[in-house]
Amino acid sequence: VGAGFVVGMSCAFAEGAIFAQVPAMFPDSSGSVAGV
């Protein structure tokens, strides 16, 4: 269970990082890029 929590933490950090990049890179088409 503790290891599962650490996996969840790693997913959280990566997902937050990725979707900080999406609208910053594509400000006028964030929905389309977020969809892909």
Full PDB file with SEQRES, HELIX, SHEET, SSBOND, CRYST1, ORIGX, SCALE, CONECT and MASTER records, all heavy atoms in Angstrom:
SEQRES   1 A   36  VAL GLY ALA GLY PHE VAL VAL GLY MET SER CYS ALA PHE          
SEQRES   2 A   36  ALA GLU GLY ALA ILE PHE ALA GLN VAL PRO ALA MET PHE          
SEQRES   3 A   36  PRO ASP SER SER GLY SER VAL ALA GLY VAL                      
HELIX    1 AA1 GLY A    2  MET A   25  1                                  24    
HELIX    2 AA2 SER A   30  GLY A   35  1                                   6    
CRYST1    1.000    1.000    1.000  90.00  90.00  90.00 P 1           1          
ORIGX1      1.000000  0.000000  0.000000        0.00000                         
ORIGX2      0.000000  1.000000  0.000000        0.00000                         
ORIGX3      0.000000  0.000000  1.000000        0.00000                         
SCALE1      1.000000  0.000000  0.000000        0.00000                         
SCALE2      0.000000  1.000000  0.000000        0.00000                         
SCALE3      0.000000  0.000000  1.000000        0.00000                         
ATOM      1  N   VAL A   1       0.844  -1.206   0.000  1.00  0.00           N  
ATOM      2  CA  VAL A   1       0.000   0.000   0.000  1.00  0.00           C  
ATOM      3  C   VAL A   1       0.876   1.253   0.000  1.00  0.00           C  
ATOM      4  O   VAL A   1       0.607   2.219  -0.713  1.00  0.00           O  
ATOM      5  CB  VAL A   1      -0.941  -0.006   1.226  1.00  0.00           C  
ATOM      6  CG1 VAL A   1      -1.665   1.336   1.356  1.00  0.00           C  
ATOM      7  CG2 VAL A   1      -1.962  -1.138   1.097  1.00  0.00           C  
ATOM      8  N   GLY A   2       1.946   1.235   0.802  1.00  0.00           N  
ATOM      9  CA  GLY A   2       2.872   2.365   0.817  1.00  0.00           C  
ATOM     10  C   GLY A   2       3.537   2.577  -0.533  1.00  0.00           C  
ATOM     11  O   GLY A   2       3.690   3.713  -1.003  1.00  0.00           O  
ATOM     12  N   ALA A   3       3.930   1.469  -1.185  1.00  0.00           N  
ATOM     13  CA  ALA A   3       4.531   1.568  -2.514  1.00  0.00           C  
ATOM     14  C   ALA A   3       3.521   2.116  -3.514  1.00  0.00           C  
ATOM     15  O   ALA A   3       3.877   2.901  -4.407  1.00  0.00           O  
ATOM     16  CB  ALA A   3       5.037   0.203  -2.961  1.00  0.00           C  
ATOM     17  N   GLY A   4       2.256   1.723  -3.366  1.00  0.00           N  
ATOM     18  CA  GLY A   4       1.216   2.250  -4.243  1.00  0.00           C  
ATOM     19  C   GLY A   4       1.049   3.746  -4.077  1.00  0.00           C  
ATOM     20  O   GLY A   4       0.805   4.472  -5.047  1.00  0.00           O  
ATOM     21  N   PHE A   5       1.175   4.217  -2.857  1.00  0.00           N  
ATOM     22  CA  PHE A   5       1.101   5.660  -2.596  1.00  0.00           C  
ATOM     23  C   PHE A   5       2.235   6.387  -3.324  1.00  0.00           C  
ATOM     24  O   PHE A   5       2.024   7.460  -3.905  1.00  0.00           O  
ATOM     25  CB  PHE A   5       1.179   5.926  -1.098  1.00  0.00           C  
ATOM     26  CG  PHE A   5       1.004   7.375  -0.716  1.00  0.00           C  
ATOM     27  CD1 PHE A   5      -0.256   7.891  -0.464  1.00  0.00           C  
ATOM     28  CD2 PHE A   5       2.106   8.216  -0.611  1.00  0.00           C  
ATOM     29  CE1 PHE A   5      -0.428   9.226  -0.115  1.00  0.00           C  
ATOM     30  CE2 PHE A   5       1.948   9.555  -0.273  1.00  0.00           C  
ATOM     31  CZ  PHE A   5       0.676  10.062  -0.022  1.00  0.00           C  
ATOM     32  N   VAL A   6       3.436   5.819  -3.306  1.00  0.00           N  
ATOM     33  CA  VAL A   6       4.581   6.430  -3.987  1.00  0.00           C  
ATOM     34  C   VAL A   6       4.359   6.455  -5.497  1.00  0.00           C  
ATOM     35  O   VAL A   6       4.682   7.443  -6.168  1.00  0.00           O  
ATOM     36  CB  VAL A   6       5.883   5.681  -3.640  1.00  0.00           C  
ATOM     37  CG1 VAL A   6       7.052   6.207  -4.475  1.00  0.00           C  
ATOM     38  CG2 VAL A   6       6.196   5.825  -2.155  1.00  0.00           C  
ATOM     39  N   VAL A   7       3.791   5.382  -6.043  1.00  0.00           N  
ATOM     40  CA  VAL A   7       3.466   5.372  -7.475  1.00  0.00           C  
ATOM     41  C   VAL A   7       2.461   6.480  -7.789  1.00  0.00           C  
ATOM     42  O   VAL A   7       2.582   7.198  -8.788  1.00  0.00           O  
ATOM     43  CB  VAL A   7       2.914   3.999  -7.914  1.00  0.00           C  
ATOM     44  CG1 VAL A   7       2.430   4.064  -9.361  1.00  0.00           C  
ATOM     45  CG2 VAL A   7       3.966   2.924  -7.772  1.00  0.00           C  
ATOM     46  N   GLY A   8       1.450   6.627  -6.931  1.00  0.00           N  
ATOM     47  CA  GLY A   8       0.477   7.703  -7.120  1.00  0.00           C  
ATOM     48  C   GLY A   8       1.130   9.070  -7.089  1.00  0.00           C  
ATOM     49  O   GLY A   8       0.787   9.960  -7.869  1.00  0.00           O  
ATOM     50  N   MET A   9       2.080   9.251  -6.182  1.00  0.00           N  
ATOM     51  CA  MET A   9       2.810  10.517  -6.092  1.00  0.00           C  
ATOM     52  C   MET A   9       3.575  10.796  -7.388  1.00  0.00           C  
ATOM     53  O   MET A   9       3.552  11.922  -7.909  1.00  0.00           O  
ATOM     54  CB  MET A   9       3.796  10.453  -4.918  1.00  0.00           C  
ATOM     55  CG  MET A   9       4.598  11.724  -4.694  1.00  0.00           C  
ATOM     56  SD  MET A   9       5.923  11.489  -3.457  1.00  0.00           S  
ATOM     57  CE  MET A   9       4.968  10.873  -2.057  1.00  0.00           C  
ATOM     58  N   SER A  10       4.238   9.778  -7.926  1.00  0.00           N  
ATOM     59  CA  SER A  10       4.997   9.974  -9.163  1.00  0.00           C  
ATOM     60  C   SER A  10       4.074  10.331 -10.327  1.00  0.00           C  
ATOM     61  O   SER A  10       4.405  11.188 -11.151  1.00  0.00           O  
ATOM     62  CB  SER A  10       5.800   8.711  -9.485  1.00  0.00           C  
ATOM     63  OG  SER A  10       4.971   7.623  -9.841  1.00  0.00           O  
ATOM     64  N   CYS A  11       2.910   9.678 -10.389  1.00  0.00           N  
ATOM     65  CA  CYS A  11       1.925  10.016 -11.431  1.00  0.00           C  
ATOM     66  C   CYS A  11       1.466  11.467 -11.292  1.00  0.00           C  
ATOM     67  O   CYS A  11       1.354  12.197 -12.286  1.00  0.00           O  
ATOM     68  CB  CYS A  11       0.719   9.087 -11.333  1.00  0.00           C  
ATOM     69  SG  CYS A  11       1.020   7.377 -11.821  1.00  0.00           S  
ATOM     70  N   ALA A  12       1.188  11.872 -10.060  1.00  0.00           N  
ATOM     71  CA  ALA A  12       0.704  13.225  -9.804  1.00  0.00           C  
ATOM     72  C   ALA A  12       1.703  14.277 -10.267  1.00  0.00           C  
ATOM     73  O   ALA A  12       1.345  15.253 -10.940  1.00  0.00           O  
ATOM     74  CB  ALA A  12       0.408  13.400  -8.314  1.00  0.00           C  
ATOM     75  N   PHE A  13       2.961  14.102  -9.902  1.00  0.00           N  
ATOM     76  CA  PHE A  13       3.984  15.076 -10.272  1.00  0.00           C  
ATOM     77  C   PHE A  13       4.122  15.166 -11.795  1.00  0.00           C  
ATOM     78  O   PHE A  13       4.228  16.265 -12.354  1.00  0.00           O  
ATOM     79  CB  PHE A  13       5.330  14.696  -9.660  1.00  0.00           C  
ATOM     80  CG  PHE A  13       5.386  14.862  -8.164  1.00  0.00           C  
ATOM     81  CD1 PHE A  13       6.457  14.364  -7.441  1.00  0.00           C  
ATOM     82  CD2 PHE A  13       4.373  15.508  -7.465  1.00  0.00           C  
ATOM     83  CE1 PHE A  13       6.529  14.519  -6.061  1.00  0.00           C  
ATOM     84  CE2 PHE A  13       4.427  15.654  -6.089  1.00  0.00           C  
ATOM     85  CZ  PHE A  13       5.505  15.152  -5.382  1.00  0.00           C  
ATOM     86  N   ALA A  14       4.116  14.004 -12.475  1.00  0.00           N  
ATOM     87  CA  ALA A  14       4.278  13.999 -13.931  1.00  0.00           C  
ATOM     88  C   ALA A  14       3.079  14.619 -14.632  1.00  0.00           C  
ATOM     89  O   ALA A  14       3.230  15.418 -15.563  1.00  0.00           O  
ATOM     90  CB  ALA A  14       4.496  12.569 -14.420  1.00  0.00           C  
ATOM     91  N   GLU A  15       1.889  14.284 -14.181  1.00  0.00           N  
ATOM     92  CA  GLU A  15       0.686  14.829 -14.817  1.00  0.00           C  
ATOM     93  C   GLU A  15       0.608  16.339 -14.657  1.00  0.00           C  
ATOM     94  O   GLU A  15       0.252  17.062 -15.594  1.00  0.00           O  
ATOM     95  CB  GLU A  15      -0.553  14.165 -14.212  1.00  0.00           C  
ATOM     96  CG  GLU A  15      -0.691  12.697 -14.550  1.00  0.00           C  
ATOM     97  CD  GLU A  15      -1.572  11.949 -13.583  1.00  0.00           C  
ATOM     98  OE1 GLU A  15      -2.238  12.586 -12.741  1.00  0.00           O  
ATOM     99  OE2 GLU A  15      -1.587  10.708 -13.658  1.00  0.00           O  
ATOM    100  N   GLY A  16       0.931  16.828 -13.454  1.00  0.00           N  
ATOM    101  CA  GLY A  16       0.937  18.271 -13.232  1.00  0.00           C  
ATOM    102  C   GLY A  16       1.956  18.961 -14.108  1.00  0.00           C  
ATOM    103  O   GLY A  16       1.699  20.045 -14.659  1.00  0.00           O  
ATOM    104  N   ALA A  17       3.130  18.340 -14.276  1.00  0.00           N  
ATOM    105  CA  ALA A  17       4.181  18.918 -15.116  1.00  0.00           C  
ATOM    106  C   ALA A  17       3.764  18.953 -16.574  1.00  0.00           C  
ATOM    107  O   ALA A  17       3.963  19.957 -17.280  1.00  0.00           O  
ATOM    108  CB  ALA A  17       5.470  18.110 -14.957  1.00  0.00           C  
ATOM    109  N   ILE A  18       3.158  17.866 -17.050  1.00  0.00           N  
ATOM    110  CA  ILE A  18       2.756  17.781 -18.458  1.00  0.00           C  
ATOM    111  C   ILE A  18       1.696  18.816 -18.792  1.00  0.00           C  
ATOM    112  O   ILE A  18       1.771  19.517 -19.807  1.00  0.00           O  
ATOM    113  CB  ILE A  18       2.251  16.364 -18.781  1.00  0.00           C  
ATOM    114  CG1 ILE A  18       3.416  15.370 -18.718  1.00  0.00           C  
ATOM    115  CG2 ILE A  18       1.579  16.312 -20.149  1.00  0.00           C  
ATOM    116  CD1 ILE A  18       2.984  13.916 -18.667  1.00  0.00           C  
ATOM    117  N   PHE A  19       0.692  18.946 -17.919  1.00  0.00           N  
ATOM    118  CA  PHE A  19      -0.371  19.892 -18.238  1.00  0.00           C  
ATOM    119  C   PHE A  19      -0.085  21.312 -17.785  1.00  0.00           C  
ATOM    120  O   PHE A  19      -0.926  22.196 -17.927  1.00  0.00           O  
ATOM    121  CB  PHE A  19      -1.725  19.376 -17.748  1.00  0.00           C  
ATOM    122  CG  PHE A  19      -2.404  18.589 -18.828  1.00  0.00           C  
ATOM    123  CD1 PHE A  19      -2.277  17.215 -18.889  1.00  0.00           C  
ATOM    124  CD2 PHE A  19      -3.095  19.226 -19.839  1.00  0.00           C  
ATOM    125  CE1 PHE A  19      -2.852  16.489 -19.908  1.00  0.00           C  
ATOM    126  CE2 PHE A  19      -3.683  18.522 -20.865  1.00  0.00           C  
ATOM    127  CZ  PHE A  19      -3.564  17.146 -20.908  1.00  0.00           C  
ATOM    128  N   ALA A  20       1.112  21.552 -17.267  1.00  0.00           N  
ATOM    129  CA  ALA A  20       1.610  22.917 -17.176  1.00  0.00           C  
ATOM    130  C   ALA A  20       2.215  23.303 -18.523  1.00  0.00           C  
ATOM    131  O   ALA A  20       2.176  24.464 -18.930  1.00  0.00           O  
ATOM    132  CB  ALA A  20       2.662  23.029 -16.076  1.00  0.00           C  
ATOM    133  N   GLN A  21       2.752  22.321 -19.236  1.00  0.00           N  
ATOM    134  CA  GLN A  21       3.370  22.583 -20.526  1.00  0.00           C  
ATOM    135  C   GLN A  21       2.355  22.786 -21.641  1.00  0.00           C  
ATOM    136  O   GLN A  21       2.555  23.612 -22.525  1.00  0.00           O  
ATOM    137  CB  GLN A  21       4.304  21.422 -20.914  1.00  0.00           C  
ATOM    138  CG  GLN A  21       5.617  21.390 -20.148  1.00  0.00           C  
ATOM    139  CD  GLN A  21       6.565  20.350 -20.715  1.00  0.00           C  
ATOM    140  OE1 GLN A  21       6.888  19.378 -20.056  1.00  0.00           O  
ATOM    141  NE2 GLN A  21       7.010  20.561 -21.938  1.00  0.00           N  
ATOM    142  N   VAL A  22       1.263  22.018 -21.637  1.00  0.00           N  
ATOM    143  CA  VAL A  22       0.325  22.030 -22.763  1.00  0.00           C  
ATOM    144  C   VAL A  22      -0.207  23.428 -23.091  1.00  0.00           C  
ATOM    145  O   VAL A  22      -0.024  23.927 -24.205  1.00  0.00           O  
ATOM    146  CB  VAL A  22      -0.824  21.034 -22.530  1.00  0.00           C  
ATOM    147  CG1 VAL A  22      -1.954  21.264 -23.536  1.00  0.00           C  
ATOM    148  CG2 VAL A  22      -0.319  19.603 -22.639  1.00  0.00           C  
ATOM    149  N   PRO A  23      -0.886  24.115 -22.156  1.00  0.00           N  
ATOM    150  CA  PRO A  23      -1.414  25.442 -22.513  1.00  0.00           C  
ATOM    151  C   PRO A  23      -0.324  26.489 -22.672  1.00  0.00           C  
ATOM    152  O   PRO A  23      -0.528  27.481 -23.373  1.00  0.00           O  
ATOM    153  CB  PRO A  23      -2.348  25.781 -21.343  1.00  0.00           C  
ATOM    154  CG  PRO A  23      -1.855  24.966 -20.205  1.00  0.00           C  
ATOM    155  CD  PRO A  23      -1.285  23.721 -20.796  1.00  0.00           C  
ATOM    156  N   ALA A  24       0.834  26.290 -22.024  1.00  0.00           N  
ATOM    157  CA  ALA A  24       1.934  27.236 -22.193  1.00  0.00           C  
ATOM    158  C   ALA A  24       2.523  27.141 -23.594  1.00  0.00           C  
ATOM    159  O   ALA A  24       2.903  28.156 -24.194  1.00  0.00           O  
ATOM    160  CB  ALA A  24       3.018  26.983 -21.144  1.00  0.00           C  
ATOM    161  N   MET A  25       2.585  25.956 -24.146  1.00  0.00           N  
ATOM    162  CA  MET A  25       3.138  25.747 -25.487  1.00  0.00           C  
ATOM    163  C   MET A  25       2.135  26.107 -26.576  1.00  0.00           C  
ATOM    164  O   MET A  25       2.506  26.628 -27.629  1.00  0.00           O  
ATOM    165  CB  MET A  25       3.571  24.291 -25.657  1.00  0.00           C  
ATOM    166  CG  MET A  25       4.758  23.874 -24.812  1.00  0.00           C  
ATOM    167  SD  MET A  25       5.104  22.091 -24.948  1.00  0.00           S  
ATOM    168  CE  MET A  25       5.702  22.002 -26.632  1.00  0.00           C  
ATOM    169  N   PHE A  26       0.836  25.835 -26.334  1.00  0.00           N  
ATOM    170  CA  PHE A  26      -0.192  26.031 -27.357  1.00  0.00           C  
ATOM    171  C   PHE A  26      -1.339  26.880 -26.787  1.00  0.00           C  
ATOM    172  O   PHE A  26      -2.439  26.382 -26.568  1.00  0.00           O  
ATOM    173  CB  PHE A  26      -0.733  24.681 -27.828  1.00  0.00           C  
ATOM    174  CG  PHE A  26       0.303  23.776 -28.435  1.00  0.00           C  
ATOM    175  CD1 PHE A  26       0.977  22.841 -27.651  1.00  0.00           C  
ATOM    176  CD2 PHE A  26       0.606  23.841 -29.787  1.00  0.00           C  
ATOM    177  CE1 PHE A  26       1.918  21.996 -28.206  1.00  0.00           C  
ATOM    178  CE2 PHE A  26       1.557  22.996 -30.352  1.00  0.00           C  
ATOM    179  CZ  PHE A  26       2.210  22.078 -29.565  1.00  0.00           C  
ATOM    180  N   PRO A  27      -1.114  28.166 -26.558  1.00  0.00           N  
ATOM    181  CA  PRO A  27      -2.103  28.993 -25.865  1.00  0.00           C  
ATOM    182  C   PRO A  27      -3.423  29.180 -26.609  1.00  0.00           C  
ATOM    183  O   PRO A  27      -4.462  29.352 -25.967  1.00  0.00           O  
ATOM    184  CB  PRO A  27      -1.377  30.336 -25.688  1.00  0.00           C  
ATOM    185  CG  PRO A  27      -0.320  30.344 -26.744  1.00  0.00           C  
ATOM    186  CD  PRO A  27       0.110  28.928 -26.875  1.00  0.00           C  
ATOM    187  N   ASP A  28      -3.426  29.159 -27.942  1.00  0.00           N  
ATOM    188  CA  ASP A  28      -4.658  29.392 -28.691  1.00  0.00           C  
ATOM    189  C   ASP A  28      -5.341  28.114 -29.143  1.00  0.00           C  
ATOM    190  O   ASP A  28      -6.360  28.168 -29.834  1.00  0.00           O  
ATOM    191  CB  ASP A  28      -4.378  30.278 -29.913  1.00  0.00           C  
ATOM    192  CG  ASP A  28      -4.027  31.706 -29.517  1.00  0.00           C  
ATOM    193  OD1 ASP A  28      -4.498  32.149 -28.447  1.00  0.00           O  
ATOM    194  OD2 ASP A  28      -3.282  32.362 -30.273  1.00  0.00           O  
ATOM    195  N   SER A  29      -4.783  26.985 -28.787  1.00  0.00           N  
ATOM    196  CA  SER A  29      -5.402  25.704 -29.155  1.00  0.00           C  
ATOM    197  C   SER A  29      -5.239  24.702 -28.025  1.00  0.00           C  
ATOM    198  O   SER A  29      -4.999  23.517 -28.256  1.00  0.00           O  
ATOM    199  CB  SER A  29      -4.789  25.158 -30.452  1.00  0.00           C  
ATOM    200  OG  SER A  29      -3.378  25.100 -30.366  1.00  0.00           O  
ATOM    201  N   SER A  30      -5.373  25.185 -26.800  1.00  0.00           N  
ATOM    202  CA  SER A  30      -5.137  24.324 -25.637  1.00  0.00           C  
ATOM    203  C   SER A  30      -6.124  23.170 -25.571  1.00  0.00           C  
ATOM    204  O   SER A  30      -5.776  22.063 -25.141  1.00  0.00           O  
ATOM    205  CB  SER A  30      -5.197  25.145 -24.346  1.00  0.00           C  
ATOM    206  OG  SER A  30      -6.462  25.755 -24.194  1.00  0.00           O  
ATOM    207  N   GLY A  31      -7.367  23.403 -25.991  1.00  0.00           N  
ATOM    208  CA  GLY A  31      -8.352  22.331 -25.954  1.00  0.00           C  
ATOM    209  C   GLY A  31      -8.006  21.215 -26.922  1.00  0.00           C  
ATOM    210  O   GLY A  31      -8.061  20.039 -26.582  1.00  0.00           O  
ATOM    211  N   SER A  32      -7.630  21.582 -28.150  1.00  0.00           N  
ATOM    212  CA  SER A  32      -7.286  20.583 -29.158  1.00  0.00           C  
ATOM    213  C   SER A  32      -6.065  19.776 -28.745  1.00  0.00           C  
ATOM    214  O   SER A  32      -6.043  18.548 -28.858  1.00  0.00           O  
ATOM    215  CB  SER A  32      -7.028  21.267 -30.506  1.00  0.00           C  
ATOM    216  OG  SER A  32      -8.193  21.903 -30.983  1.00  0.00           O  
ATOM    217  N   VAL A  33      -5.022  20.468 -28.261  1.00  0.00           N  
ATOM    218  CA  VAL A  33      -3.805  19.766 -27.848  1.00  0.00           C  
ATOM    219  C   VAL A  33      -4.070  18.938 -26.590  1.00  0.00           C  
ATOM    220  O   VAL A  33      -3.616  17.794 -26.481  1.00  0.00           O  
ATOM    221  CB  VAL A  33      -2.650  20.755 -27.620  1.00  0.00           C  
ATOM    222  CG1 VAL A  33      -1.402  20.021 -27.130  1.00  0.00           C  
ATOM    223  CG2 VAL A  33      -2.332  21.508 -28.908  1.00  0.00           C  
ATOM    224  N   ALA A  34      -4.814  19.502 -25.651  1.00  0.00           N  
ATOM    225  CA  ALA A  34      -5.169  18.743 -24.448  1.00  0.00           C  
ATOM    226  C   ALA A  34      -5.957  17.495 -24.820  1.00  0.00           C  
ATOM    227  O   ALA A  34      -5.801  16.436 -24.193  1.00  0.00           O  
ATOM    228  CB  ALA A  34      -5.974  19.610 -23.491  1.00  0.00           C  
ATOM    229  N   GLY A  35      -6.796  17.601 -25.846  1.00  0.00           N  
ATOM    230  CA  GLY A  35      -7.560  16.448 -26.295  1.00  0.00           C  
ATOM    231  C   GLY A  35      -6.669  15.341 -26.823  1.00  0.00           C  
ATOM    232  O   GLY A  35      -6.867  14.169 -26.529  1.00  0.00           O  
ATOM    233  N   VAL A  36      -5.657  15.734 -27.625  1.00  0.00           N  
ATOM    234  CA  VAL A  36      -4.729  14.736 -28.171  1.00  0.00           C  
ATOM    235  C   VAL A  36      -3.904  14.113 -27.050  1.00  0.00           C  
ATOM    236  O   VAL A  36      -3.785  12.891 -26.943  1.00  0.00           O  
ATOM    237  CB  VAL A  36      -3.799  15.375 -29.226  1.00  0.00           C  
ATOM    238  CG1 VAL A  36      -2.744  14.373 -29.675  1.00  0.00           C  
ATOM    239  CG2 VAL A  36      -4.604  15.877 -30.412  1.00  0.00           C  
TER     240      VAL A  36                                                      
MASTER        0    0    0    2    0    0    0    6  239    1    0    3          
END                                                                             
